[in-house]
Amino acid sequence: MLRVLITVEPRMYRQALARSLHLKRPALDVRIAPPESIEGELASFRPHLLVRNDTDTVGAKELASVPFRVEVMYSDSMDAKIVLDGREERIKDASTDLLVLVADEAQRWLSAQDKAP
């Protein structure tokens, strides 16, 4: 099952993103946490998809453990950076529909990993 961790600020945003994702993809394991808890959540929950602010304090080593990310660029124009298994793309005016597409891509990747010998 695909595990999704949402840590964006403010709390209302992460709750809204989690609710939207849950309504469109109810089978996903979606967890929310404040940004200051991100490192502990990464270690214990081990998400496949992380939705975060680019201004949080998580290090590159910890981020490398998450193959799929949506990073809200709070430090620069509120665009989003999408990381799909090592590929990066910057998106202007990202939507919750885009988040669902990223989750779908992550789910396909996870299914392929499960089938690999």
C-alpha atoms as a PDB file:
ATOM      1  CA  MET A   1       0.000   0.000   0.000  1.00  0.00           C
ATOM      2  CA  LEU A   2       1.278   3.449  -0.917  1.00  0.00           C
ATOM      3  CA  ARG A   3       2.213   5.531   2.135  1.00  0.00           C
ATOM      4  CA  VAL A   4       1.816   9.320   1.831  1.00  0.00           C
ATOM      5  CA  LEU A   5       3.103  11.830   4.382  1.00  0.00           C
ATOM      6  CA  ILE A   6       1.858  15.440   4.220  1.00  0.00           C
ATOM      7  CA  THR A   7       3.765  18.010   6.286  1.00  0.00           C
ATOM      8  CA  VAL A   8       2.951  21.354   4.637  1.00  0.00           C
ATOM      9  CA  GLU A   9       2.155  24.416   6.727  1.00  0.00           C
ATOM     10  CA  PRO A  10      -0.267  25.663   7.816  1.00  0.00           C
ATOM     11  CA  ARG A  11      -2.164  22.751   9.356  1.00  0.00           C
ATOM     12  CA  MET A  12      -5.302  23.678   7.409  1.00  0.00           C
ATOM     13  CA  TYR A  13      -3.412  23.117   4.146  1.00  0.00           C
ATOM     14  CA  ARG A  14      -2.167  19.676   5.114  1.00  0.00           C
ATOM     15  CA  GLN A  15      -5.619  18.681   6.349  1.00  0.00           C
ATOM     16  CA  ALA A  16      -7.210  19.868   3.101  1.00  0.00           C
ATOM     17  CA  LEU A  17      -4.617  18.053   0.974  1.00  0.00           C
ATOM     18  CA  ALA A  18      -5.028  14.849   2.965  1.00  0.00           C
ATOM     19  CA  ARG A  19      -8.811  15.021   2.721  1.00  0.00           C
ATOM     20  CA  SER A  20      -8.720  15.663  -1.009  1.00  0.00           C
ATOM     21  CA  LEU A  21      -6.329  12.783  -1.595  1.00  0.00           C
ATOM     22  CA  HIS A  22      -8.352  10.470   0.642  1.00  0.00           C
ATOM     23  CA  LEU A  23     -11.581  11.286  -1.212  1.00  0.00           C
ATOM     24  CA  LYS A  24     -10.013  10.559  -4.610  1.00  0.00           C
ATOM     25  CA  ARG A  25      -7.809   7.625  -3.564  1.00  0.00           C
ATOM     26  CA  PRO A  26      -9.288   6.130  -0.353  1.00  0.00           C
ATOM     27  CA  ALA A  27      -7.032   3.053  -0.428  1.00  0.00           C
ATOM     28  CA  LEU A  28      -3.878   5.104   0.209  1.00  0.00           C
ATOM     29  CA  ASP A  29      -2.315   5.262   3.656  1.00  0.00           C
ATOM     30  CA  VAL A  30      -2.215   9.037   4.215  1.00  0.00           C
ATOM     31  CA  ARG A  31      -0.700  10.587   7.335  1.00  0.00           C
ATOM     32  CA  ILE A  32      -0.309  14.249   8.288  1.00  0.00           C
ATOM     33  CA  ALA A  33       2.318  15.687  10.604  1.00  0.00           C
ATOM     34  CA  PRO A  34       3.730  19.113  11.431  1.00  0.00           C
ATOM     35  CA  PRO A  35       7.006  19.987   9.687  1.00  0.00           C
ATOM     36  CA  GLU A  36       8.967  19.800  12.937  1.00  0.00           C
ATOM     37  CA  SER A  37       8.089  16.074  13.140  1.00  0.00           C
ATOM     38  CA  ILE A  38       9.164  15.237   9.601  1.00  0.00           C
ATOM     39  CA  GLU A  39      12.427  13.425  10.374  1.00  0.00           C
ATOM     40  CA  GLY A  40      10.794  11.107  12.911  1.00  0.00           C
ATOM     41  CA  GLU A  41       7.879  10.447  10.566  1.00  0.00           C
ATOM     42  CA  LEU A  42      10.226   9.659   7.686  1.00  0.00           C
ATOM     43  CA  ALA A  43      12.038   7.112   9.857  1.00  0.00           C
ATOM     44  CA  SER A  44       8.959   5.443  11.341  1.00  0.00           C
ATOM     45  CA  PHE A  45       6.304   5.742   8.598  1.00  0.00           C
ATOM     46  CA  ARG A  46       8.708   5.443   5.627  1.00  0.00           C
ATOM     47  CA  PRO A  47       6.467   7.175   3.068  1.00  0.00           C
ATOM     48  CA  HIS A  48       6.708   6.585  -0.656  1.00  0.00           C
ATOM     49  CA  LEU A  49       5.317  10.083  -1.316  1.00  0.00           C
ATOM     50  CA  LEU A  50       6.079  13.189   0.724  1.00  0.00           C
ATOM     51  CA  VAL A  51       4.229  16.501   0.369  1.00  0.00           C
ATOM     52  CA  ARG A  52       6.251  19.221   2.095  1.00  0.00           C
ATOM     53  CA  ASN A  53       7.334  22.858   2.207  1.00  0.00           C
ATOM     54  CA  ASP A  54      10.722  23.613   0.717  1.00  0.00           C
ATOM     55  CA  THR A  55      11.489  25.690   3.829  1.00  0.00           C
ATOM     56  CA  ASP A  56      11.321  22.851   6.358  1.00  0.00           C
ATOM     57  CA  THR A  57      14.532  21.632   7.971  1.00  0.00           C
ATOM     58  CA  VAL A  58      14.742  18.105   6.612  1.00  0.00           C
ATOM     59  CA  GLY A  59      18.113  17.216   5.147  1.00  0.00           C
ATOM     60  CA  ALA A  60      19.001  15.930   1.708  1.00  0.00           C
ATOM     61  CA  LYS A  61      19.929  12.496   3.090  1.00  0.00           C
ATOM     62  CA  GLU A  62      16.468  12.025   4.591  1.00  0.00           C
ATOM     63  CA  LEU A  63      14.764  13.331   1.432  1.00  0.00           C
ATOM     64  CA  ALA A  64      16.725  10.860  -0.685  1.00  0.00           C
ATOM     65  CA  SER A  65      14.876   8.038   1.083  1.00  0.00           C
ATOM     66  CA  VAL A  66      11.545   9.211  -0.395  1.00  0.00           C
ATOM     67  CA  PRO A  67      11.222   8.401  -4.110  1.00  0.00           C
ATOM     68  CA  PHE A  68       8.271  10.736  -4.795  1.00  0.00           C
ATOM     69  CA  ARG A  69       7.826  14.279  -3.511  1.00  0.00           C
ATOM     70  CA  VAL A  70       5.690  17.336  -4.018  1.00  0.00           C
ATOM     71  CA  GLU A  71       7.509  20.334  -2.592  1.00  0.00           C
ATOM     72  CA  VAL A  72       5.629  23.615  -2.222  1.00  0.00           C
ATOM     73  CA  MET A  73       8.148  26.339  -3.003  1.00  0.00           C
ATOM     74  CA  TYR A  74       7.331  28.737  -0.157  1.00  0.00           C
ATOM     75  CA  SER A  75      10.740  30.344  -0.575  1.00  0.00           C
ATOM     76  CA  ASP A  76      10.120  31.193  -4.232  1.00  0.00           C
ATOM     77  CA  SER A  77       6.706  32.032  -5.688  1.00  0.00           C
ATOM     78  CA  MET A  78       4.576  29.171  -4.289  1.00  0.00           C
ATOM     79  CA  ASP A  79       5.208  26.978  -7.341  1.00  0.00           C
ATOM     80  CA  ALA A  80       5.647  23.275  -6.717  1.00  0.00           C
ATOM     81  CA  LYS A  81       8.560  21.007  -7.465  1.00  0.00           C
ATOM     82  CA  ILE A  82       7.587  17.468  -8.341  1.00  0.00           C
ATOM     83  CA  VAL A  83      10.148  14.712  -7.819  1.00  0.00           C
ATOM     84  CA  LEU A  84       9.267  11.408  -9.484  1.00  0.00           C
ATOM     85  CA  ASP A  85      11.829   8.726  -8.705  1.00  0.00           C
ATOM     86  CA  GLY A  86      14.760  11.062  -9.359  1.00  0.00           C
ATOM     87  CA  ARG A  87      13.210  13.213 -12.111  1.00  0.00           C
ATOM     88  CA  GLU A  88      12.336  16.802 -11.165  1.00  0.00           C
ATOM     89  CA  GLU A  89       9.852  19.207 -12.683  1.00  0.00           C
ATOM     90  CA  ARG A  90       8.673  22.625 -11.554  1.00  0.00           C
ATOM     91  CA  ILE A  91       4.938  23.310 -11.820  1.00  0.00           C
ATOM     92  CA  LYS A  92       3.210  26.686 -11.639  1.00  0.00           C
ATOM     93  CA  ASP A  93      -0.145  26.839  -9.877  1.00  0.00           C
ATOM     94  CA  ALA A  94      -0.200  23.168  -8.816  1.00  0.00           C
ATOM     95  CA  SER A  95      -3.561  21.605  -8.013  1.00  0.00           C
ATOM     96  CA  THR A  96      -4.857  18.722  -5.936  1.00  0.00           C
ATOM     97  CA  ASP A  97      -5.478  16.919  -9.232  1.00  0.00           C
ATOM     98  CA  LEU A  98      -1.728  17.051  -9.815  1.00  0.00           C
ATOM     99  CA  LEU A  99      -1.169  15.546  -6.369  1.00  0.00           C
ATOM    100  CA  VAL A 100      -3.477  12.677  -7.335  1.00  0.00           C
ATOM    101  CA  LEU A 101      -1.508  12.143 -10.568  1.00  0.00           C
ATOM    102  CA  VAL A 102       1.752  12.002  -8.593  1.00  0.00           C
ATOM    103  CA  ALA A 103       0.176   9.524  -6.162  1.00  0.00           C
ATOM    104  CA  ASP A 104      -0.980   7.393  -9.104  1.00  0.00           C
ATOM    105  CA  GLU A 105       2.538   7.404 -10.566  1.00  0.00           C
ATOM    106  CA  ALA A 106       3.970   6.452  -7.172  1.00  0.00           C
ATOM    107  CA  GLN A 107       1.435   3.630  -6.879  1.00  0.00           C
ATOM    108  CA  ARG A 108       2.427   2.270 -10.301  1.00  0.00           C
ATOM    109  CA  TRP A 109       6.099   2.417  -9.260  1.00  0.00           C
ATOM    110  CA  LEU A 110       5.341   0.620  -5.985  1.00  0.00           C
ATOM    111  CA  SER A 111       3.369  -2.097  -7.796  1.00  0.00           C
ATOM    112  CA  ALA A 112       6.294  -2.642 -10.171  1.00  0.00           C
ATOM    113  CA  GLN A 113       8.680  -2.867  -7.177  1.00  0.00           C
ATOM    114  CA  ASP A 114       6.432  -5.473  -5.561  1.00  0.00           C
ATOM    115  CA  LYS A 115       6.468  -7.585  -8.754  1.00  0.00           C
ATOM    116  CA  ALA A 116      10.232  -7.369  -9.258  1.00  0.00           C
ATOM    117  CA  PRO A 117      12.202 -10.509  -8.332  1.00  0.00           C
END
